[in-house]
Amino acid sequence: MKILVINAGSSSLKYQLIDMNGEVMLAKGNCERIGIDGKFTHKTKDGYVETREVNMPDHTSAFHQVKQALTEGEGKVIDDLSEVAAIGHRIVQGGSKYDRSVLVTEQVIQDIDDYAELAPLHNKAHVQGIRAAMAAFGPDVPEVVVFDTAFHQTMPPKAYMFGVPYEYYKKYAVRRYGFHGTSHRYVSNRCYELLGKPGGEGTKIITCHLGNGSSIAAIQDGKVIDTTMGLTPLDGFIMGTRSGAVDPSVVLFIMEKENLTPQQMSDVLNKKSGMLGISGVSSDDRDIEKAIAAGNERAKLAWEMRTYEIVKYVGSFISALGGVDAIVFTAGIGENQPMVRSEVIKSLKYRGAVLDEEKNKVHGEEMEITTPESSVRAFVIPTNEELVIARDTKAIVDQL
């Protein structure tokens, strides 16, 4: 069975074609700047790479480029679209209604659209992606949606409620949802295998998805009990361009002083803050590192702030869990930034955590980075959200 995995953004459409016989990625690519000037990239498992400028006025035209790349020319990996058995979509916000992946129906599409208030930059684009896939592949190819929020739906009310009047929860569903759930699910399941406890029963682990957008989850017996992101992906600790959690009074104070509208303030918090806002250099860790090496004090401050906040959240989650068996690092920074991992593990020296300095030099590969005598185990586990989506899609389609 071959499954096409789709991640649609407002002006982008990322894809992977996965052969579930062996779970092999056949091809992947990205349609960028949809509705603007258009850039298309297509890569195959044997190393073929194609990049070209192409006009893509909407997501339907982007899907045309995907179909063409998969079935024609040097980068073709299938002979005909009929070989695609199903399509799996990543959906950022599924609210409290969806705690698992589901088959696409008109009601599901409507629900995703209705939740757009909670993820305005994402859910509208996801609906466009689903509609475009339907137009491109027809009604006979089943489609499945996999929600970023679903994995976190095991949180108890004491963890997901905010200290604002309860009526706002009843009227507007204001609560903590958590994000990156597909990534947290993948790496936590792999961690259980490495611990020799498939399913996670009897385990207490903390998964750290650290990238341009970052979140941490506390997972007990295979179920999330708390996570850092909240109503939106803005909550938690300092990220590439996002502020993370701040005193709400800071928001009101800046809005009043700068005469900003809610949308303008949202742009400040989401696009101009975080590592970029503090360093004044970049949101990219590689640029931050170069600036630190050149003696830039603000870049150093940004790095120290983020590391401190990660350490603080990990420590608080250990208390919430009542201990910890393992910590997982994943995503761009988690998989490739030894210094961040080192600071976190060394902060747990008081719990008997011992870092293996040599193994911690790893970049983008699975590795246990603590020593055999360490009382807390730590792993680098590269994430694979697309594979989770493909697996869920196959499981649902197999039941049809």
Protein backbone atom coordinates (compact mmCIF):
# COMPACT_ATOMS: atom_id res chain seq x y z
CA MET A 1 0.00 0.00 0.00
CA LYS A 2 1.33 3.43 -0.99
CA ILE A 3 0.15 6.42 1.06
CA LEU A 4 0.58 10.09 0.21
CA VAL A 5 1.13 12.23 3.32
CA ILE A 6 0.16 15.91 3.05
CA ASN A 7 0.97 18.88 5.26
CA ALA A 8 -0.76 21.94 3.82
CA GLY A 9 0.09 25.46 4.94
CA SER A 10 -1.44 28.76 3.89
CA SER A 11 1.06 29.13 1.02
CA SER A 12 2.75 25.73 1.02
CA LEU A 13 2.09 22.03 0.55
CA LYS A 14 4.63 19.48 1.78
CA TYR A 15 4.26 15.86 0.75
CA GLN A 16 5.75 12.40 1.14
CA LEU A 17 4.86 9.21 -0.70
CA ILE A 18 5.47 6.22 1.57
CA ASP A 19 5.34 2.56 0.58
CA MET A 20 3.95 0.85 3.66
CA ASN A 21 5.53 -2.42 2.53
CA GLY A 22 8.69 -1.82 4.51
CA GLU A 23 7.67 1.76 5.39
CA VAL A 24 9.94 3.20 2.71
CA MET A 25 9.83 6.87 1.71
CA LEU A 26 9.67 6.86 -2.11
CA ALA A 27 9.57 10.62 -2.68
CA LYS A 28 9.04 13.87 -0.87
CA GLY A 29 8.81 17.52 -1.74
CA ASN A 30 7.41 20.95 -1.12
CA CYS A 31 5.23 23.36 -3.05
CA GLU A 32 6.24 26.78 -1.70
CA ARG A 33 4.89 30.28 -2.19
CA ILE A 34 1.52 29.09 -3.49
CA GLY A 35 -0.44 32.07 -4.80
CA ILE A 36 2.72 34.18 -4.96
CA ASP A 37 5.49 33.25 -7.39
CA GLY A 38 5.80 29.51 -6.77
CA LYS A 39 8.72 27.19 -6.06
CA PHE A 40 8.52 23.39 -6.40
CA THR A 41 10.99 20.85 -4.98
CA HIS A 42 10.84 17.09 -5.52
CA LYS A 43 13.26 14.48 -4.13
CA THR A 44 13.33 10.70 -4.44
CA LYS A 45 14.82 8.03 -2.18
CA ASP A 46 17.59 7.30 -4.72
CA GLY A 47 18.88 10.87 -4.58
CA TYR A 48 17.16 12.57 -7.50
CA VAL A 49 16.44 16.25 -6.78
CA GLU A 50 14.35 18.62 -8.87
CA THR A 51 13.81 22.29 -8.07
CA ARG A 52 11.97 24.73 -10.32
CA GLU A 53 10.02 27.94 -10.33
CA VAL A 54 6.40 27.32 -11.29
CA ASN A 55 3.18 29.29 -11.02
CA MET A 56 0.80 27.70 -8.49
CA PRO A 57 -2.17 30.02 -7.94
CA ASP A 58 -3.86 27.66 -5.46
CA HIS A 59 -3.52 24.31 -3.69
CA THR A 60 -5.28 22.45 -6.51
CA SER A 61 -2.63 23.57 -8.98
CA ALA A 62 0.04 22.59 -6.42
CA PHE A 63 -1.41 19.08 -6.33
CA HIS A 64 -1.13 18.98 -10.11
CA GLN A 65 2.61 19.55 -9.76
CA VAL A 66 2.84 16.78 -7.16
CA LYS A 67 0.95 14.33 -9.39
CA GLN A 68 3.14 15.18 -12.35
CA ALA A 69 6.37 14.76 -10.39
CA LEU A 70 5.32 11.41 -8.95
CA THR A 71 4.28 9.88 -12.28
CA GLU A 72 6.37 11.59 -14.99
CA GLY A 73 9.95 12.45 -15.86
CA GLU A 74 13.23 11.49 -14.20
CA GLY A 75 11.80 11.76 -10.69
CA LYS A 76 8.80 9.46 -11.23
CA VAL A 77 8.32 6.82 -8.54
CA ILE A 78 4.97 5.35 -9.61
CA ASP A 79 3.46 4.63 -13.01
CA ASP A 80 -0.04 5.83 -12.26
CA LEU A 81 -1.93 7.72 -9.55
CA SER A 82 -4.08 4.65 -9.00
CA GLU A 83 -1.11 3.26 -7.05
CA VAL A 84 -1.83 5.81 -4.30
CA ALA A 85 -4.16 3.88 -2.00
CA ALA A 86 -4.91 6.67 0.47
CA ILE A 87 -3.99 10.19 1.56
CA GLY A 88 -3.14 11.24 5.11
CA HIS A 89 -3.32 14.88 6.21
CA ARG A 90 -1.64 16.58 9.15
CA ILE A 91 -4.11 18.85 10.98
CA VAL A 92 -2.86 21.24 13.65
CA GLN A 93 -6.04 21.82 15.69
CA GLY A 94 -8.72 19.23 16.37
CA GLY A 95 -10.00 20.75 19.60
CA SER A 96 -11.24 18.49 22.36
CA LYS A 97 -13.54 16.62 19.97
CA TYR A 98 -10.84 14.58 18.26
CA ASP A 99 -8.57 12.41 20.39
CA ARG A 100 -7.60 10.16 17.48
CA SER A 101 -7.19 10.12 13.72
CA VAL A 102 -10.35 9.79 11.61
CA LEU A 103 -11.56 9.23 8.06
CA VAL A 104 -12.39 12.44 6.22
CA THR A 105 -16.09 13.23 5.90
CA GLU A 106 -17.90 16.48 5.21
CA GLN A 107 -18.61 16.80 8.94
CA VAL A 108 -14.92 16.35 9.76
CA ILE A 109 -13.99 19.04 7.23
CA GLN A 110 -16.57 21.37 8.76
CA ASP A 111 -15.20 20.72 12.25
CA ILE A 112 -11.65 21.49 11.11
CA ASP A 113 -12.90 24.72 9.59
CA ASP A 114 -14.83 25.58 12.76
CA TYR A 115 -11.65 25.16 14.82
CA ALA A 116 -9.83 27.68 12.60
CA GLU A 117 -10.40 30.36 15.26
CA LEU A 118 -7.98 28.42 17.46
CA ALA A 119 -5.41 27.97 14.65
CA PRO A 120 -6.12 30.64 12.01
CA LEU A 121 -2.82 30.20 10.19
CA HIS A 122 -3.21 26.44 9.88
CA ASN A 123 -6.71 24.99 9.84
CA LYS A 124 -8.01 27.05 6.92
CA ALA A 125 -5.01 25.88 4.91
CA HIS A 126 -5.62 22.27 5.94
CA VAL A 127 -9.17 22.47 4.60
CA GLN A 128 -7.80 23.83 1.31
CA GLY A 129 -5.38 20.91 1.19
CA ILE A 130 -8.13 18.35 1.77
CA ARG A 131 -10.38 19.91 -0.86
CA ALA A 132 -7.49 20.09 -3.34
CA ALA A 133 -6.66 16.41 -2.73
CA MET A 134 -10.28 15.47 -3.33
CA ALA A 135 -10.27 17.38 -6.61
CA ALA A 136 -6.97 15.85 -7.68
CA PHE A 137 -7.54 12.21 -6.69
CA GLY A 138 -11.31 11.89 -6.81
CA PRO A 139 -13.80 10.46 -4.33
CA ASP A 140 -12.56 6.86 -4.50
CA VAL A 141 -9.24 7.54 -2.74
CA PRO A 142 -9.89 7.57 1.03
CA GLU A 143 -8.43 10.44 3.06
CA VAL A 144 -7.54 10.47 6.75
CA VAL A 145 -6.78 13.38 9.08
CA VAL A 146 -4.23 13.12 11.91
CA PHE A 147 -4.48 15.85 14.57
CA ASP A 148 -1.50 17.47 16.31
CA THR A 149 -3.70 18.03 19.35
CA ALA A 150 -5.03 14.46 19.65
CA PHE A 151 -2.12 12.96 21.59
CA HIS A 152 -2.47 15.57 24.34
CA GLN A 153 -6.17 14.92 24.99
CA THR A 154 -5.31 12.65 27.92
CA MET A 155 -4.35 15.69 30.02
CA PRO A 156 -6.51 16.11 33.13
CA PRO A 157 -8.53 19.33 33.62
CA LYS A 158 -6.12 20.54 36.31
CA ALA A 159 -3.43 20.67 33.60
CA TYR A 160 -5.41 21.99 30.65
CA MET A 161 -7.56 24.65 32.30
CA PHE A 162 -6.44 28.29 32.58
CA GLY A 163 -7.08 30.53 35.59
CA VAL A 164 -9.60 32.72 33.76
CA PRO A 165 -13.38 32.74 34.33
CA TYR A 166 -14.80 29.28 33.62
CA GLU A 167 -17.42 30.77 31.32
CA TYR A 168 -14.74 31.36 28.65
CA TYR A 169 -14.03 27.64 28.59
CA LYS A 170 -17.75 26.91 28.16
CA LYS A 171 -18.33 29.65 25.57
CA TYR A 172 -15.11 29.62 23.54
CA ALA A 173 -13.30 26.37 24.48
CA VAL A 174 -10.42 28.35 25.98
CA ARG A 175 -8.05 25.73 27.39
CA ARG A 176 -4.62 24.16 26.88
CA TYR A 177 -4.53 21.92 23.82
CA GLY A 178 -0.86 21.24 23.19
CA PHE A 179 0.76 20.74 19.79
CA HIS A 180 3.48 18.68 18.05
CA GLY A 181 1.46 15.70 19.26
CA THR A 182 2.35 13.53 16.26
CA SER A 183 6.06 14.03 16.95
CA HIS A 184 5.70 13.45 20.69
CA ARG A 185 3.75 10.27 19.96
CA TYR A 186 6.37 8.91 17.56
CA VAL A 187 9.41 9.52 19.76
CA SER A 188 7.69 8.39 22.96
CA ASN A 189 6.70 5.07 21.35
CA ARG A 190 10.26 4.58 20.14
CA CYS A 191 11.53 5.44 23.63
CA TYR A 192 9.32 2.71 25.15
CA GLU A 193 10.87 0.20 22.75
CA LEU A 194 14.36 1.28 23.81
CA LEU A 195 13.34 1.00 27.47
CA GLY A 196 11.96 -2.48 26.81
CA LYS A 197 8.44 -1.38 27.77
CA PRO A 198 6.26 -1.24 24.63
CA GLY A 199 3.13 0.80 25.28
CA GLY A 200 4.77 2.78 28.06
CA GLU A 201 3.08 1.04 30.98
CA GLY A 202 4.92 1.88 34.18
CA THR A 203 7.08 4.59 32.62
CA LYS A 204 7.59 8.29 33.27
CA ILE A 205 9.21 10.12 30.36
CA ILE A 206 9.65 13.67 29.10
CA THR A 207 9.78 14.34 25.37
CA CYS A 208 11.43 17.54 24.13
CA HIS A 209 10.49 18.61 20.59
CA LEU A 210 12.98 21.42 20.08
CA GLY A 211 12.96 23.30 16.79
CA ASN A 212 11.97 26.71 15.47
CA GLY A 213 8.70 25.88 17.22
CA SER A 214 9.24 23.91 20.42
CA SER A 215 7.27 22.05 23.06
CA ILE A 216 7.83 19.61 25.91
CA ALA A 217 5.45 16.90 27.10
CA ALA A 218 5.24 14.95 30.36
CA ILE A 219 4.04 11.40 29.66
CA GLN A 220 3.08 8.82 32.29
CA ASP A 221 2.07 5.24 31.43
CA GLY A 222 1.91 6.25 27.76
CA LYS A 223 -0.45 9.18 28.35
CA VAL A 224 0.29 12.90 28.32
CA ILE A 225 -0.35 14.55 31.68
CA ASP A 226 0.96 18.02 30.75
CA THR A 227 2.60 19.94 27.93
CA THR A 228 4.05 23.40 27.41
CA MET A 229 2.03 24.76 24.48
CA GLY A 230 -1.42 26.07 25.32
CA LEU A 231 -4.47 27.41 23.48
CA THR A 232 -2.13 28.05 20.56
CA PRO A 233 1.49 27.14 19.75
CA LEU A 234 2.58 30.49 21.25
CA ASP A 235 2.68 29.25 24.85
CA GLY A 236 5.61 27.56 26.55
CA PHE A 237 9.23 28.67 26.31
CA ILE A 238 11.06 31.03 23.99
CA MET A 239 11.23 29.76 20.37
CA GLY A 240 12.56 30.98 17.03
CA THR A 241 10.18 33.93 16.64
CA ARG A 242 7.61 33.17 19.35
CA SER A 243 7.81 34.70 22.80
CA GLY A 244 6.62 31.70 24.77
CA ALA A 245 4.84 32.39 28.05
CA VAL A 246 4.94 35.99 29.28
CA ASP A 247 3.21 37.90 32.05
CA PRO A 248 -0.16 38.92 30.49
CA SER A 249 0.44 42.40 31.87
CA VAL A 250 3.43 42.72 29.56
CA VAL A 251 1.12 42.22 26.58
CA LEU A 252 -1.37 44.83 27.80
CA PHE A 253 1.40 47.27 28.70
CA ILE A 254 3.05 47.06 25.26
CA MET A 255 -0.29 47.32 23.46
CA GLU A 256 -1.13 50.50 25.36
CA LYS A 257 2.30 52.09 24.98
CA GLU A 258 2.65 51.23 21.28
CA ASN A 259 -1.06 51.68 20.46
CA LEU A 260 -1.23 48.20 18.93
CA THR A 261 -4.31 46.28 17.79
CA PRO A 262 -4.76 42.65 18.89
CA GLN A 263 -3.57 41.48 15.45
CA GLN A 264 -0.49 43.69 15.60
CA MET A 265 0.32 42.42 19.07
CA SER A 266 -0.13 38.85 17.85
CA ASP A 267 2.39 39.54 15.09
CA VAL A 268 4.86 40.86 17.68
CA LEU A 269 4.48 37.78 19.88
CA ASN A 270 4.45 35.21 17.07
CA LYS A 271 6.77 36.64 14.44
CA LYS A 272 9.09 39.23 16.04
CA SER A 273 9.86 37.79 19.47
CA GLY A 274 11.74 34.75 20.73
CA MET A 275 15.33 34.16 19.67
CA LEU A 276 14.94 36.71 16.89
CA GLY A 277 13.55 39.41 19.14
CA ILE A 278 16.12 38.97 21.89
CA SER A 279 19.21 38.46 19.72
CA GLY A 280 18.32 40.93 17.00
CA VAL A 281 20.21 38.56 14.72
CA SER A 282 18.07 35.65 13.57
CA SER A 283 15.61 32.96 14.58
CA ASP A 284 17.95 30.28 13.21
CA ASP A 285 20.18 28.52 15.73
CA ARG A 286 23.09 28.35 13.29
CA ASP A 287 23.10 32.13 12.94
CA ILE A 288 22.79 32.53 16.71
CA GLU A 289 25.82 30.28 17.27
CA LYS A 290 27.91 32.28 14.80
CA ALA A 291 26.90 35.52 16.49
CA ILE A 292 27.82 34.12 19.92
CA ALA A 293 31.20 33.04 18.59
CA ALA A 294 31.68 36.61 17.30
CA GLY A 295 31.00 37.99 20.78
CA ASN A 296 27.38 39.11 20.37
CA GLU A 297 26.03 39.42 23.91
CA ARG A 298 22.37 39.57 22.90
CA ALA A 299 22.71 36.34 20.93
CA LYS A 300 24.30 34.76 24.00
CA LEU A 301 21.44 36.04 26.17
CA ALA A 302 18.84 34.54 23.81
CA TRP A 303 20.60 31.16 23.93
CA GLU A 304 20.88 31.26 27.72
CA MET A 305 17.23 32.26 28.14
CA ARG A 306 15.97 29.38 26.03
CA THR A 307 18.22 26.81 27.68
CA TYR A 308 17.23 28.02 31.15
CA GLU A 309 13.53 27.82 30.31
CA ILE A 310 13.89 24.28 28.90
CA VAL A 311 15.71 23.21 32.06
CA LYS A 312 12.98 24.83 34.17
CA TYR A 313 10.14 23.07 32.33
CA VAL A 314 11.90 19.70 32.45
CA GLY A 315 12.40 20.13 36.20
CA SER A 316 8.77 21.06 36.76
CA PHE A 317 7.56 18.09 34.72
CA ILE A 318 9.74 15.74 36.77
CA SER A 319 7.89 17.01 39.83
CA ALA A 320 4.51 16.59 38.09
CA LEU A 321 5.41 13.03 37.10
CA GLY A 322 6.89 12.20 40.50
CA GLY A 323 10.17 11.19 38.89
CA VAL A 324 11.49 10.42 35.42
CA ASP A 325 12.84 7.33 33.68
CA ALA A 326 13.93 8.91 30.40
CA ILE A 327 14.19 12.18 28.51
CA VAL A 328 13.95 12.34 24.72
CA PHE A 329 15.35 15.07 22.46
CA THR A 330 14.00 15.45 18.94
CA ALA A 331 13.41 17.89 16.05
CA GLY A 332 15.98 20.25 14.50
CA ILE A 333 17.57 21.59 17.68
CA GLY A 334 16.94 18.52 19.83
CA GLU A 335 18.59 16.24 17.26
CA ASN A 336 21.48 18.54 16.32
CA GLN A 337 22.38 20.78 19.27
CA PRO A 338 24.65 18.94 21.74
CA MET A 339 25.09 21.99 23.99
CA VAL A 340 21.36 22.30 24.73
CA ARG A 341 21.13 18.59 25.52
CA SER A 342 24.22 18.82 27.70
CA GLU A 343 22.81 21.68 29.77
CA VAL A 344 19.55 19.83 30.37
CA ILE A 345 21.17 16.55 31.41
CA LYS A 346 23.78 18.26 33.60
CA SER A 347 21.00 20.14 35.38
CA LEU A 348 19.76 16.72 36.52
CA LYS A 349 23.05 15.74 38.12
CA TYR A 350 21.31 15.98 41.48
CA ARG A 351 19.07 13.10 40.35
CA GLY A 352 22.03 10.97 39.30
CA ALA A 353 21.92 11.76 35.58
CA VAL A 354 25.30 11.26 33.90
CA LEU A 355 25.92 12.51 30.37
CA ASP A 356 28.13 10.55 27.97
CA GLU A 357 30.02 13.46 26.43
CA GLU A 358 31.21 11.48 23.41
CA LYS A 359 27.81 10.04 22.49
CA ASN A 360 26.22 13.47 22.96
CA LYS A 361 28.18 14.72 19.94
CA VAL A 362 25.65 12.91 17.72
CA HIS A 363 23.74 14.86 15.06
CA GLY A 364 20.45 13.62 13.63
CA GLU A 365 20.90 9.98 14.62
CA GLU A 366 19.29 7.81 17.26
CA MET A 367 21.55 7.53 20.28
CA GLU A 368 21.40 7.03 24.03
CA ILE A 369 23.48 9.90 25.39
CA THR A 370 23.69 8.97 29.07
CA THR A 371 26.10 6.47 30.61
CA PRO A 372 25.08 2.98 31.85
CA GLU A 373 25.29 4.12 35.49
CA SER A 374 23.01 7.15 34.90
CA SER A 375 19.80 7.00 36.95
CA VAL A 376 17.97 8.91 34.21
CA ARG A 377 18.30 7.71 30.62
CA ALA A 378 18.38 10.24 27.79
CA PHE A 379 17.95 9.63 24.08
CA VAL A 380 18.24 11.50 20.82
CA ILE A 381 15.45 10.13 18.61
CA PRO A 382 14.90 11.67 15.17
CA THR A 383 11.20 12.34 14.73
CA ASN A 384 9.12 11.02 11.84
CA GLU A 385 5.70 12.64 11.87
CA GLU A 386 4.99 11.59 8.28
CA LEU A 387 5.38 7.92 9.19
CA VAL A 388 2.91 8.32 12.08
CA ILE A 389 0.40 9.87 9.69
CA ALA A 390 0.96 7.09 7.15
CA ARG A 391 0.55 4.38 9.81
CA ASP A 392 -2.67 5.91 11.13
CA THR A 393 -3.99 6.28 7.59
CA LYS A 394 -3.23 2.64 6.77
CA ALA A 395 -4.83 1.41 10.00
CA ILE A 396 -8.06 3.28 9.26
CA VAL A 397 -8.17 2.36 5.56
CA ASP A 398 -7.54 -1.31 6.36
CA GLN A 399 -10.79 -1.31 8.33
CA LEU A 400 -12.90 -0.03 5.43
